[in-house]
Amino acid sequence: QNLWPVVRTWHSRVDKFNLVNSYGLFRRMTGVGGRPELVVEGSNSL
């Protein structure tokens, strides 16, 4: 909020182009108690 208003205006006008982004890898650790994993299966019978 302490940034110049013109900076926020510039950013809002070009935000859709993703020129700059926030960053935060592994903000929260997933997979506590085991990693969730999807298995896709096919069959000719239910």
All heavy atoms as atom14 arrays in JSON, in Angstrom:
{
  "sequence": "QNLWPVVRTWHSRVDKFNLVNSYGLFRRMTGVGGRPELVVEGSNSL",
  "atom14_mask": [
    [1, 1, 1, 1, 1, 1, 1, 1, 1, 0, 0, 0, 0, 0],
    [1, 1, 1, 1, 1, 1, 1, 1, 0, 0, 0, 0, 0, 0],
    [1, 1, 1, 1, 1, 1, 1, 1, 0, 0, 0, 0, 0, 0],
    [1, 1, 1, 1, 1, 1, 1, 1, 1, 1, 1, 1, 1, 1],
    [1, 1, 1, 1, 1, 1, 1, 0, 0, 0, 0, 0, 0, 0],
    [1, 1, 1, 1, 1, 1, 1, 0, 0, 0, 0, 0, 0, 0],
    [1, 1, 1, 1, 1, 1, 1, 0, 0, 0, 0, 0, 0, 0],
    [1, 1, 1, 1, 1, 1, 1, 1, 1, 1, 1, 0, 0, 0],
    [1, 1, 1, 1, 1, 1, 1, 0, 0, 0, 0, 0, 0, 0],
    [1, 1, 1, 1, 1, 1, 1, 1, 1, 1, 1, 1, 1, 1],
    [1, 1, 1, 1, 1, 1, 1, 1, 1, 1, 0, 0, 0, 0],
    [1, 1, 1, 1, 1, 1, 0, 0, 0, 0, 0, 0, 0, 0],
    [1, 1, 1, 1, 1, 1, 1, 1, 1, 1, 1, 0, 0, 0],
    [1, 1, 1, 1, 1, 1, 1, 0, 0, 0, 0, 0, 0, 0],
    [1, 1, 1, 1, 1, 1, 1, 1, 0, 0, 0, 0, 0, 0],
    [1, 1, 1, 1, 1, 1, 1, 1, 1, 0, 0, 0, 0, 0],
    [1, 1, 1, 1, 1, 1, 1, 1, 1, 1, 1, 0, 0, 0],
    [1, 1, 1, 1, 1, 1, 1, 1, 0, 0, 0, 0, 0, 0],
    [1, 1, 1, 1, 1, 1, 1, 1, 0, 0, 0, 0, 0, 0],
    [1, 1, 1, 1, 1, 1, 1, 0, 0, 0, 0, 0, 0, 0],
    [1, 1, 1, 1, 1, 1, 1, 1, 0, 0, 0, 0, 0, 0],
    [1, 1, 1, 1, 1, 1, 0, 0, 0, 0, 0, 0, 0, 0],
    [1, 1, 1, 1, 1, 1, 1, 1, 1, 1, 1, 1, 0, 0],
    [1, 1, 1, 1, 0, 0, 0, 0, 0, 0, 0, 0, 0, 0],
    [1, 1, 1, 1, 1, 1, 1, 1, 0, 0, 0, 0, 0, 0],
    [1, 1, 1, 1, 1, 1, 1, 1, 1, 1, 1, 0, 0, 0],
    [1, 1, 1, 1, 1, 1, 1, 1, 1, 1, 1, 0, 0, 0],
    [1, 1, 1, 1, 1, 1, 1, 1, 1, 1, 1, 0, 0, 0],
    [1, 1, 1, 1, 1, 1, 1, 1, 0, 0, 0, 0, 0, 0],
    [1, 1, 1, 1, 1, 1, 1, 0, 0, 0, 0, 0, 0, 0],
    [1, 1, 1, 1, 0, 0, 0, 0, 0, 0, 0, 0, 0, 0],
    [1, 1, 1, 1, 1, 1, 1, 0, 0, 0, 0, 0, 0, 0],
    [1, 1, 1, 1, 0, 0, 0, 0, 0, 0, 0, 0, 0, 0],
    [1, 1, 1, 1, 0, 0, 0, 0, 0, 0, 0, 0, 0, 0],
    [1, 1, 1, 1, 1, 1, 1, 1, 1, 1, 1, 0, 0, 0],
    [1, 1, 1, 1, 1, 1, 1, 0, 0, 0, 0, 0, 0, 0],
    [1, 1, 1, 1, 1, 1, 1, 1, 1, 0, 0, 0, 0, 0],
    [1, 1, 1, 1, 1, 1, 1, 1, 0, 0, 0, 0, 0, 0],
    [1, 1, 1, 1, 1, 1, 1, 0, 0, 0, 0, 0, 0, 0],
    [1, 1, 1, 1, 1, 1, 1, 0, 0, 0, 0, 0, 0, 0],
    [1, 1, 1, 1, 1, 1, 1, 1, 1, 0, 0, 0, 0, 0],
    [1, 1, 1, 1, 0, 0, 0, 0, 0, 0, 0, 0, 0, 0],
    [1, 1, 1, 1, 1, 1, 0, 0, 0, 0, 0, 0, 0, 0],
    [1, 1, 1, 1, 1, 1, 1, 1, 0, 0, 0, 0, 0, 0],
    [1, 1, 1, 1, 1, 1, 0, 0, 0, 0, 0, 0, 0, 0],
    [1, 1, 1, 1, 1, 1, 1, 1, 0, 0, 0, 0, 0, 0]
  ],
  "atom14_positions": [
    [[0.81, -1.21, 0.0], [0.0, 0.0, 0.0], [0.85, 1.27, 0.0], [0.38, 2.33, -0.42], [-0.93, -0.01, 1.22], [-2.0, -1.07, 1.17], [-2.91, -0.94, -0.04], [-3.3, 0.16, -0.42], [-3.23, -2.07, -0.66], [0.0, 0.0, 0.0], [0.0, 0.0, 0.0], [0.0, 0.0, 0.0], [0.0, 0.0, 0.0], [0.0, 0.0, 0.0]],
    [[2.09, 1.16, 0.47], [2.97, 2.33, 0.51], [3.61, 2.64, -0.83], [4.28, 3.67, -0.97], [4.06, 2.12, 1.56], [3.52, 2.16, 2.97], [2.52, 2.81, 3.25], [4.18, 1.45, 3.88], [0.0, 0.0, 0.0], [0.0, 0.0, 0.0], [0.0, 0.0, 0.0], [0.0, 0.0, 0.0], [0.0, 0.0, 0.0], [0.0, 0.0, 0.0]],
    [[3.45, 1.76, -1.81], [4.0, 2.02, -3.14], [3.24, 3.15, -3.81], [2.06, 3.4, -3.52], [3.92, 0.76, -4.0], [4.74, -0.44, -3.53], [4.46, -1.65, -4.43], [6.23, -0.13, -3.52], [0.0, 0.0, 0.0], [0.0, 0.0, 0.0], [0.0, 0.0, 0.0], [0.0, 0.0, 0.0], [0.0, 0.0, 0.0], [0.0, 0.0, 0.0]],
    [[3.9, 3.82, -4.74], [3.24, 4.91, -5.45], [2.0, 4.39, -6.18], [2.02, 3.31, -6.77], [4.19, 5.52, -6.48], [5.26, 6.37, -5.87], [5.39, 6.73, -4.56], [6.35, 6.99, -6.56], [6.48, 7.52, -4.37], [7.1, 7.7, -5.58], [6.78, 7.02, -7.87], [8.23, 8.43, -5.91], [7.91, 7.74, -8.2], [8.63, 8.43, -7.22]],
    [[0.91, 5.15, -6.17], [-0.31, 4.74, -6.89], [-0.08, 4.49, -8.37], [-0.7, 3.6, -8.95], [-1.27, 5.91, -6.66], [-0.8, 6.54, -5.39], [0.69, 6.38, -5.39], [0.0, 0.0, 0.0], [0.0, 0.0, 0.0], [0.0, 0.0, 0.0], [0.0, 0.0, 0.0], [0.0, 0.0, 0.0], [0.0, 0.0, 0.0], [0.0, 0.0, 0.0]],
    [[0.84, 5.27, -8.98], [1.09, 5.11, -10.41], [1.68, 3.73, -10.7], [1.43, 3.14, -11.77], [2.01, 6.23, -10.93], [3.42, 6.1, -10.32], [2.09, 6.2, -12.45], [0.0, 0.0, 0.0], [0.0, 0.0, 0.0], [0.0, 0.0, 0.0], [0.0, 0.0, 0.0], [0.0, 0.0, 0.0], [0.0, 0.0, 0.0], [0.0, 0.0, 0.0]],
    [[2.46, 3.18, -9.76], [3.04, 1.84, -9.94], [1.94, 0.79, -9.95], [1.95, -0.13, -10.78], [4.07, 1.55, -8.83], [4.56, 0.1, -8.91], [5.25, 2.51, -8.93], [0.0, 0.0, 0.0], [0.0, 0.0, 0.0], [0.0, 0.0, 0.0], [0.0, 0.0, 0.0], [0.0, 0.0, 0.0], [0.0, 0.0, 0.0], [0.0, 0.0, 0.0]],
    [[0.98, 0.92, -9.05], [-0.15, -0.01, -9.03], [-0.98, 0.11, -10.29], [-1.5, -0.89, -10.81], [-1.01, 0.23, -7.78], [-0.31, -0.11, -6.48], [-1.31, -0.24, -5.34], [-1.89, 1.06, -5.0], [-1.35, 1.9, -4.11], [-0.24, 1.58, -3.48], [-1.94, 3.03, -3.83], [0.0, 0.0, 0.0], [0.0, 0.0, 0.0], [0.0, 0.0, 0.0]],
    [[-1.1, 1.32, -10.82], [-1.85, 1.53, -12.08], [-1.14, 0.86, -13.24], [-1.77, 0.17, -14.05], [-2.01, 3.04, -12.36], [-2.69, 3.66, -11.27], [-2.81, 3.26, -13.65], [0.0, 0.0, 0.0], [0.0, 0.0, 0.0], [0.0, 0.0, 0.0], [0.0, 0.0, 0.0], [0.0, 0.0, 0.0], [0.0, 0.0, 0.0], [0.0, 0.0, 0.0]],
    [[0.18, 1.05, -13.32], [0.95, 0.4, -14.39], [0.78, -1.12, -14.33], [0.56, -1.76, -15.35], [2.44, 0.75, -14.25], [2.8, 2.16, -14.58], [2.03, 3.07, -15.27], [4.01, 2.84, -14.23], [2.69, 4.27, -15.37], [3.91, 4.16, -14.74], [5.16, 2.48, -13.54], [4.93, 5.1, -14.59], [6.17, 3.41, -13.39], [6.06, 4.7, -13.9]],
    [[0.9, -1.65, -13.12], [0.81, -3.1, -12.97], [-0.56, -3.62, -13.37], [-0.67, -4.67, -14.03], [1.13, -3.5, -11.53], [1.07, -4.96, -11.28], [-0.07, -5.6, -10.81], [2.0, -5.95, -11.45], [0.16, -6.88, -10.7], [1.4, -7.13, -11.07], [0.0, 0.0, 0.0], [0.0, 0.0, 0.0], [0.0, 0.0, 0.0], [0.0, 0.0, 0.0]],
    [[-1.62, -2.93, -12.97], [-2.97, -3.4, -13.29], [-3.23, -3.41, -14.79], [-3.97, -4.25, -15.29], [-4.0, -2.52, -12.58], [-3.93, -1.18, -13.05], [0.0, 0.0, 0.0], [0.0, 0.0, 0.0], [0.0, 0.0, 0.0], [0.0, 0.0, 0.0], [0.0, 0.0, 0.0], [0.0, 0.0, 0.0], [0.0, 0.0, 0.0], [0.0, 0.0, 0.0]],
    [[-2.6, -2.48, -15.52], [-2.81, -2.4, -16.96], [-2.11, -3.52, -17.73], [-2.56, -3.89, -18.82], [-2.33, -1.04, -17.47], [-3.21, 0.13, -17.04], [-2.66, 1.46, -17.55], [-3.55, 2.57, -17.16], [-3.28, 3.85, -17.42], [-2.14, 4.18, -18.04], [-4.13, 4.78, -17.04], [0.0, 0.0, 0.0], [0.0, 0.0, 0.0], [0.0, 0.0, 0.0]],
    [[-1.02, -4.04, -17.19], [-0.26, -5.07, -17.91], [-0.29, -6.41, -17.2], [0.42, -7.34, -17.6], [1.2, -4.63, -18.13], [1.27, -3.36, -18.96], [1.91, -4.42, -16.78], [0.0, 0.0, 0.0], [0.0, 0.0, 0.0], [0.0, 0.0, 0.0], [0.0, 0.0, 0.0], [0.0, 0.0, 0.0], [0.0, 0.0, 0.0], [0.0, 0.0, 0.0]],
    [[-1.11, -6.53, -16.16], [-1.13, -7.75, -15.36], [-1.48, -8.97, -16.19], [-0.96, -10.07, -15.97], [-2.12, -7.59, -14.2], [-2.06, -8.77, -13.23], [-0.95, -9.29, -13.01], [-3.11, -9.17, -12.72], [0.0, 0.0, 0.0], [0.0, 0.0, 0.0], [0.0, 0.0, 0.0], [0.0, 0.0, 0.0], [0.0, 0.0, 0.0], [0.0, 0.0, 0.0]],
    [[-2.37, -8.81, -17.18], [-2.81, -9.94, -17.99], [-1.69, -10.53, -18.84], [-1.81, -11.65, -19.33], [-3.97, -9.52, -18.88], [-3.63, -8.41, -19.88], [-4.85, -8.01, -20.7], [-4.52, -6.89, -21.68], [-5.71, -6.49, -22.47], [0.0, 0.0, 0.0], [0.0, 0.0, 0.0], [0.0, 0.0, 0.0], [0.0, 0.0, 0.0], [0.0, 0.0, 0.0]],
    [[-0.61, -9.79, -19.04], [0.5, -10.29, -19.86], [1.51, -11.09, -19.04], [2.47, -11.65, -19.6], [1.22, -9.12, -20.55], [0.34, -8.33, -21.48], [-0.03, -7.04, -21.17], [-0.14, -8.91, -22.64], [-0.84, -6.31, -22.01], [-0.96, -8.19, -23.5], [-1.33, -6.88, -23.18], [0.0, 0.0, 0.0], [0.0, 0.0, 0.0], [0.0, 0.0, 0.0]],
    [[1.34, -11.15, -17.71], [2.23, -11.93, -16.84], [3.7, -11.55, -17.01], [4.58, -12.41, -17.07], [2.06, -13.43, -17.11], [0.7, -13.94, -16.64], [0.23, -13.55, -15.58], [0.09, -14.78, -17.44], [0.0, 0.0, 0.0], [0.0, 0.0, 0.0], [0.0, 0.0, 0.0], [0.0, 0.0, 0.0], [0.0, 0.0, 0.0], [0.0, 0.0, 0.0]],
    [[3.97, -10.25, -17.11], [5.36, -9.79, -17.24], [6.13, -10.0, -15.95], [7.32, -10.3, -15.96], [5.39, -8.3, -17.62], [4.75, -7.94, -18.97], [4.81, -6.43, -19.18], [5.47, -8.64, -20.11], [0.0, 0.0, 0.0], [0.0, 0.0, 0.0], [0.0, 0.0, 0.0], [0.0, 0.0, 0.0], [0.0, 0.0, 0.0], [0.0, 0.0, 0.0]],
    [[5.46, -9.82, -14.82], [6.08, -10.05, -13.51], [5.11, -10.86, -12.67], [3.89, -10.79, -12.87], [6.41, -8.71, -12.81], [7.52, -7.98, -13.53], [5.17, -7.82, -12.71], [0.0, 0.0, 0.0], [0.0, 0.0, 0.0], [0.0, 0.0, 0.0], [0.0, 0.0, 0.0], [0.0, 0.0, 0.0], [0.0, 0.0, 0.0], [0.0, 0.0, 0.0]],
    [[5.63, -11.62, -11.74], [4.8, -12.51, -10.94], [5.34, -12.63, -9.53], [6.53, -12.43, -9.29], [4.75, -13.92, -11.56], [4.14, -13.93, -12.94], [2.93, -13.97, -13.1], [4.99, -13.87, -13.96], [0.0, 0.0, 0.0], [0.0, 0.0, 0.0], [0.0, 0.0, 0.0], [0.0, 0.0, 0.0], [0.0, 0.0, 0.0], [0.0, 0.0, 0.0]],
    [[4.45, -12.98, -8.62], [4.91, -13.35, -7.28], [5.5, -14.75, -7.35], [5.28, -15.48, -8.31], [3.74, -13.32, -6.29], [2.73, -14.22, -6.7], [0.0, 0.0, 0.0], [0.0, 0.0, 0.0], [0.0, 0.0, 0.0], [0.0, 0.0, 0.0], [0.0, 0.0, 0.0], [0.0, 0.0, 0.0], [0.0, 0.0, 0.0], [0.0, 0.0, 0.0]],
    [[6.25, -15.11, -6.32], [6.94, -16.4, -6.37], [6.96, -17.02, -4.99], [7.19, -16.33, -4.01], [8.38, -16.23, -6.88], [9.05, -17.53, -7.17], [8.77, -18.22, -8.34], [9.93, -18.1, -6.26], [9.37, -19.44, -8.6], [10.53, -19.31, -6.51], [10.25, -19.97, -7.69], [10.82, -21.18, -7.94], [0.0, 0.0, 0.0], [0.0, 0.0, 0.0]],
    [[6.73, -18.32, -4.94], [6.79, -19.0, -3.65], [6.67, -20.49, -3.84], [5.58, -21.05, -3.85], [0.0, 0.0, 0.0], [0.0, 0.0, 0.0], [0.0, 0.0, 0.0], [0.0, 0.0, 0.0], [0.0, 0.0, 0.0], [0.0, 0.0, 0.0], [0.0, 0.0, 0.0], [0.0, 0.0, 0.0], [0.0, 0.0, 0.0], [0.0, 0.0, 0.0]],
    [[7.81, -21.15, -4.0], [7.82, -22.58, -4.27], [7.59, -23.37, -2.99], [8.18, -23.08, -1.95], [9.15, -22.98, -4.89], [9.28, -24.4, -5.41], [8.33, -24.64, -6.56], [10.7, -24.67, -5.86], [0.0, 0.0, 0.0], [0.0, 0.0, 0.0], [0.0, 0.0, 0.0], [0.0, 0.0, 0.0], [0.0, 0.0, 0.0], [0.0, 0.0, 0.0]],
    [[6.71, -24.4, -3.07], [6.4, -25.27, -1.93], [6.0, -24.44, -0.7], [6.57, -24.58, 0.38], [7.58, -26.19, -1.61], [7.74, -27.29, -2.61], [8.72, -27.24, -3.59], [6.88, -28.38, -2.58], [8.84, -28.26, -4.52], [7.01, -29.4, -3.51], [7.99, -29.34, -4.49], [0.0, 0.0, 0.0], [0.0, 0.0, 0.0], [0.0, 0.0, 0.0]],
    [[5.0, -23.6, -0.91], [4.48, -22.77, 0.17], [3.98, -23.64, 1.32], [4.23, -23.36, 2.48], [3.34, -21.9, -0.37], [2.8, -20.87, 0.6], [1.6, -20.18, -0.01], [1.94, -19.57, -1.28], [2.3, -18.31, -1.43], [2.35, -17.53, -0.37], [2.6, -17.83, -2.62], [0.0, 0.0, 0.0], [0.0, 0.0, 0.0], [0.0, 0.0, 0.0]],
    [[3.24, -24.68, 0.97], [2.76, -25.65, 1.96], [3.15, -27.04, 1.5], [3.08, -27.36, 0.32], [1.24, -25.55, 2.12], [0.74, -24.22, 2.65], [-0.74, -24.27, 2.97], [-1.01, -25.19, 4.08], [-0.97, -24.83, 5.35], [-0.69, -23.6, 5.7], [-1.24, -25.71, 6.31], [0.0, 0.0, 0.0], [0.0, 0.0, 0.0], [0.0, 0.0, 0.0]],
    [[3.56, -27.87, 2.43], [4.0, -29.22, 2.1], [2.79, -30.15, 1.99], [2.01, -30.29, 2.94], [4.97, -29.73, 3.16], [5.71, -30.99, 2.76], [6.63, -30.83, 1.2], [7.76, -29.5, 1.6], [0.0, 0.0, 0.0], [0.0, 0.0, 0.0], [0.0, 0.0, 0.0], [0.0, 0.0, 0.0], [0.0, 0.0, 0.0], [0.0, 0.0, 0.0]],
    [[2.62, -30.73, 0.81], [1.53, -31.68, 0.59], [2.03, -33.1, 0.83], [3.23, -33.35, 0.92], [0.99, -31.56, -0.84], [2.07, -31.85, -1.77], [0.47, -30.17, -1.12], [0.0, 0.0, 0.0], [0.0, 0.0, 0.0], [0.0, 0.0, 0.0], [0.0, 0.0, 0.0], [0.0, 0.0, 0.0], [0.0, 0.0, 0.0], [0.0, 0.0, 0.0]],
    [[1.09, -34.03, 0.91], [1.47, -35.43, 1.02], [1.78, -35.89, 2.43], [2.45, -36.92, 2.61], [0.0, 0.0, 0.0], [0.0, 0.0, 0.0], [0.0, 0.0, 0.0], [0.0, 0.0, 0.0], [0.0, 0.0, 0.0], [0.0, 0.0, 0.0], [0.0, 0.0, 0.0], [0.0, 0.0, 0.0], [0.0, 0.0, 0.0], [0.0, 0.0, 0.0]],
    [[1.31, -35.15, 3.44], [1.49, -35.61, 4.82], [0.66, -36.89, 5.01], [-0.54, -36.9, 4.79], [1.06, -34.53, 5.82], [1.21, -35.04, 7.25], [1.85, -33.25, 5.62], [0.0, 0.0, 0.0], [0.0, 0.0, 0.0], [0.0, 0.0, 0.0], [0.0, 0.0, 0.0], [0.0, 0.0, 0.0], [0.0, 0.0, 0.0], [0.0, 0.0, 0.0]],
    [[1.32, -37.97, 5.41], [0.63, -39.24, 5.54], [0.61, -40.06, 4.26], [-0.07, -41.09, 4.19], [0.0, 0.0, 0.0], [0.0, 0.0, 0.0], [0.0, 0.0, 0.0], [0.0, 0.0, 0.0], [0.0, 0.0, 0.0], [0.0, 0.0, 0.0], [0.0, 0.0, 0.0], [0.0, 0.0, 0.0], [0.0, 0.0, 0.0], [0.0, 0.0, 0.0]],
    [[1.38, -39.63, 3.24], [1.43, -40.35, 1.97], [1.02, -39.45, 0.82], [0.13, -38.61, 0.96], [0.0, 0.0, 0.0], [0.0, 0.0, 0.0], [0.0, 0.0, 0.0], [0.0, 0.0, 0.0], [0.0, 0.0, 0.0], [0.0, 0.0, 0.0], [0.0, 0.0, 0.0], [0.0, 0.0, 0.0], [0.0, 0.0, 0.0], [0.0, 0.0, 0.0]],
    [[1.69, -39.6, -0.33], [1.39, -38.76, -1.49], [0.1, -39.23, -2.15], [-0.08, -40.43, -2.41], [2.54, -38.78, -2.49], [2.81, -40.11, -3.14], [3.9, -40.02, -4.21], [3.48, -39.25, -5.35], [4.26, -38.37, -5.98], [5.49, -38.16, -5.55], [3.83, -37.71, -7.02], [0.0, 0.0, 0.0], [0.0, 0.0, 0.0], [0.0, 0.0, 0.0]],
    [[-0.84, -38.33, -2.44], [-2.02, -38.71, -3.2], [-1.65, -38.96, -4.65], [-0.93, -38.17, -5.27], [-2.94, -37.51, -3.04], [-2.04, -36.37, -2.75], [-0.85, -36.92, -2.04], [0.0, 0.0, 0.0], [0.0, 0.0, 0.0], [0.0, 0.0, 0.0], [0.0, 0.0, 0.0], [0.0, 0.0, 0.0], [0.0, 0.0, 0.0], [0.0, 0.0, 0.0]],
    [[-2.07, -40.06, -5.2], [-1.7, -40.44, -6.57], [-2.91, -41.03, -7.28], [-3.64, -41.86, -6.73], [-0.56, -41.45, -6.54], [0.18, -41.58, -7.85], [0.9, -40.3, -8.22], [1.81, -39.87, -7.49], [0.53, -39.72, -9.27], [0.0, 0.0, 0.0], [0.0, 0.0, 0.0], [0.0, 0.0, 0.0], [0.0, 0.0, 0.0], [0.0, 0.0, 0.0]],
    [[-3.12, -40.6, -8.52], [-4.24, -41.08, -9.32], [-3.83, -42.25, -10.2], [-2.77, -42.21, -10.83], [-4.78, -39.96, -10.22], [-5.6, -38.86, -9.53], [-6.0, -37.79, -10.55], [-6.82, -39.44, -8.86], [0.0, 0.0, 0.0], [0.0, 0.0, 0.0], [0.0, 0.0, 0.0], [0.0, 0.0, 0.0], [0.0, 0.0, 0.0], [0.0, 0.0, 0.0]],
    [[-4.67, -43.27, -10.24], [-4.49, -44.42, -11.13], [-5.71, -44.51, -12.03], [-6.84, -44.62, -11.54], [-4.3, -45.72, -10.32], [-4.28, -46.93, -11.26], [-3.0, -45.66, -9.53], [0.0, 0.0, 0.0], [0.0, 0.0, 0.0], [0.0, 0.0, 0.0], [0.0, 0.0, 0.0], [0.0, 0.0, 0.0], [0.0, 0.0, 0.0], [0.0, 0.0, 0.0]],
    [[-5.48, -44.43, -13.33], [-6.55, -44.5, -14.33], [-6.64, -45.93, -14.85], [-5.62, -46.53, -15.24], [-6.29, -43.51, -15.49], [-7.42, -43.59, -16.52], [-6.15, -42.09, -14.96], [0.0, 0.0, 0.0], [0.0, 0.0, 0.0], [0.0, 0.0, 0.0], [0.0, 0.0, 0.0], [0.0, 0.0, 0.0], [0.0, 0.0, 0.0], [0.0, 0.0, 0.0]],
    [[-7.85, -46.49, -14.87], [-8.05, -47.88, -15.28], [-9.19, -47.98, -16.29], [-10.13, -47.19, -16.27], [-8.39, -48.75, -14.07], [-7.29, -48.81, -13.02], [-7.75, -49.49, -11.75], [-8.72, -49.01, -11.14], [-7.15, -50.52, -11.39], [0.0, 0.0, 0.0], [0.0, 0.0, 0.0], [0.0, 0.0, 0.0], [0.0, 0.0, 0.0], [0.0, 0.0, 0.0]],
    [[-9.07, -48.95, -17.16], [-10.11, -49.21, -18.14], [-10.56, -50.66, -18.08], [-9.81, -51.55, -17.66], [0.0, 0.0, 0.0], [0.0, 0.0, 0.0], [0.0, 0.0, 0.0], [0.0, 0.0, 0.0], [0.0, 0.0, 0.0], [0.0, 0.0, 0.0], [0.0, 0.0, 0.0], [0.0, 0.0, 0.0], [0.0, 0.0, 0.0], [0.0, 0.0, 0.0]],
    [[-11.81, -50.9, -18.5], [-12.36, -52.25, -18.5], [-13.55, -52.31, -19.46], [-14.17, -51.3, -19.77], [-12.82, -52.64, -17.09], [-13.44, -53.91, -17.09], [0.0, 0.0, 0.0], [0.0, 0.0, 0.0], [0.0, 0.0, 0.0], [0.0, 0.0, 0.0], [0.0, 0.0, 0.0], [0.0, 0.0, 0.0], [0.0, 0.0, 0.0], [0.0, 0.0, 0.0]],
    [[-13.85, -53.53, -19.91], [-15.03, -53.76, -20.74], [-16.22, -54.22, -19.91], [-17.28, -54.53, -20.46], [-14.72, -54.78, -21.84], [-13.75, -54.22, -22.87], [-13.89, -53.08, -23.31], [-12.75, -55.01, -23.25], [0.0, 0.0, 0.0], [0.0, 0.0, 0.0], [0.0, 0.0, 0.0], [0.0, 0.0, 0.0], [0.0, 0.0, 0.0], [0.0, 0.0, 0.0]],
    [[-16.0, -54.3, -18.59], [-17.08, -54.69, -17.69], [-17.01, -53.83, -16.43], [-15.92, -53.49, -15.96], [-16.96, -56.16, -17.3], [-17.87, -56.5, -16.27], [0.0, 0.0, 0.0], [0.0, 0.0, 0.0], [0.0, 0.0, 0.0], [0.0, 0.0, 0.0], [0.0, 0.0, 0.0], [0.0, 0.0, 0.0], [0.0, 0.0, 0.0], [0.0, 0.0, 0.0]],
    [[-18.16, -53.5, -15.9], [-18.2, -52.67, -14.7], [-17.77, -53.44, -13.46], [-17.42, -52.84, -12.44], [-19.62, -52.12, -14.49], [-20.05, -50.96, -15.38], [-21.53, -50.66, -15.18], [-19.21, -49.73, -15.12], [0.0, 0.0, 0.0], [0.0, 0.0, 0.0], [0.0, 0.0, 0.0], [0.0, 0.0, 0.0], [0.0, 0.0, 0.0], [0.0, 0.0, 0.0]]
  ]
}
